[in-house]
């Protein structure tokens, strides 16, 4: 077996298209995950169990079922109920929804780590609930959990190839199409592997730097 640089050059247009799709899924999926995860986390602290119970049931169901099953459900089952999205939109929603249940647990840990005195001080000042959450509690919680959230972004990146299962042209799917056309598998798949390293490794260094700065 010999390495063919011309195969790498031929793959580059497909590769960059795949990179853009992968990054789009990662960024939008992260926004969904962080936003919805915060909603779940606040729901965990709802004043009545009639509100807490549905949140716990839904998040546990999502967290304990495989992402690929959820992806197929959203893509193949929802259209039977009249709800249909493009493959890219479905994949982005699926990965954001799945990881929101993990970020919710991170948010909950950060919220519970805020000293009880902060809650009592907000109550003594008669702050409304939304001011208590967004001016007092969440700024302190987010400082503690930022590194953990960063780790989930990296995990999300590594799960983006699963979305190729519904035909989204992210990096892995682009390499499969190139290999099917040229019968050369080594070069496209190697390029994809290196690309994931080059994206994930700097991100992991940033997470470590944030952890050192925020914890110290």
Foldseek 3Di string as FASTA:
>chain_A
DDDDVVLLVVLVVLQVVQAVLLVVLLVLLLVLLLVLLQVLLVQCVDPDVVSNVVSVVVLVVLQPDDLLVQLCCQDPVVVVVVDHDDLSVSLSNSLSSSNSSVVNVLLNVLQVPPDPVLVVVCVVVVPDPVCSVPVTRVVRSCLQRVLVSLVVSLVSSVCSVSSCVVPDSHLVVSLVVSCVVVVDNPSSVVVVVVVSCVVNVVSNVVSVVSNVVSVD
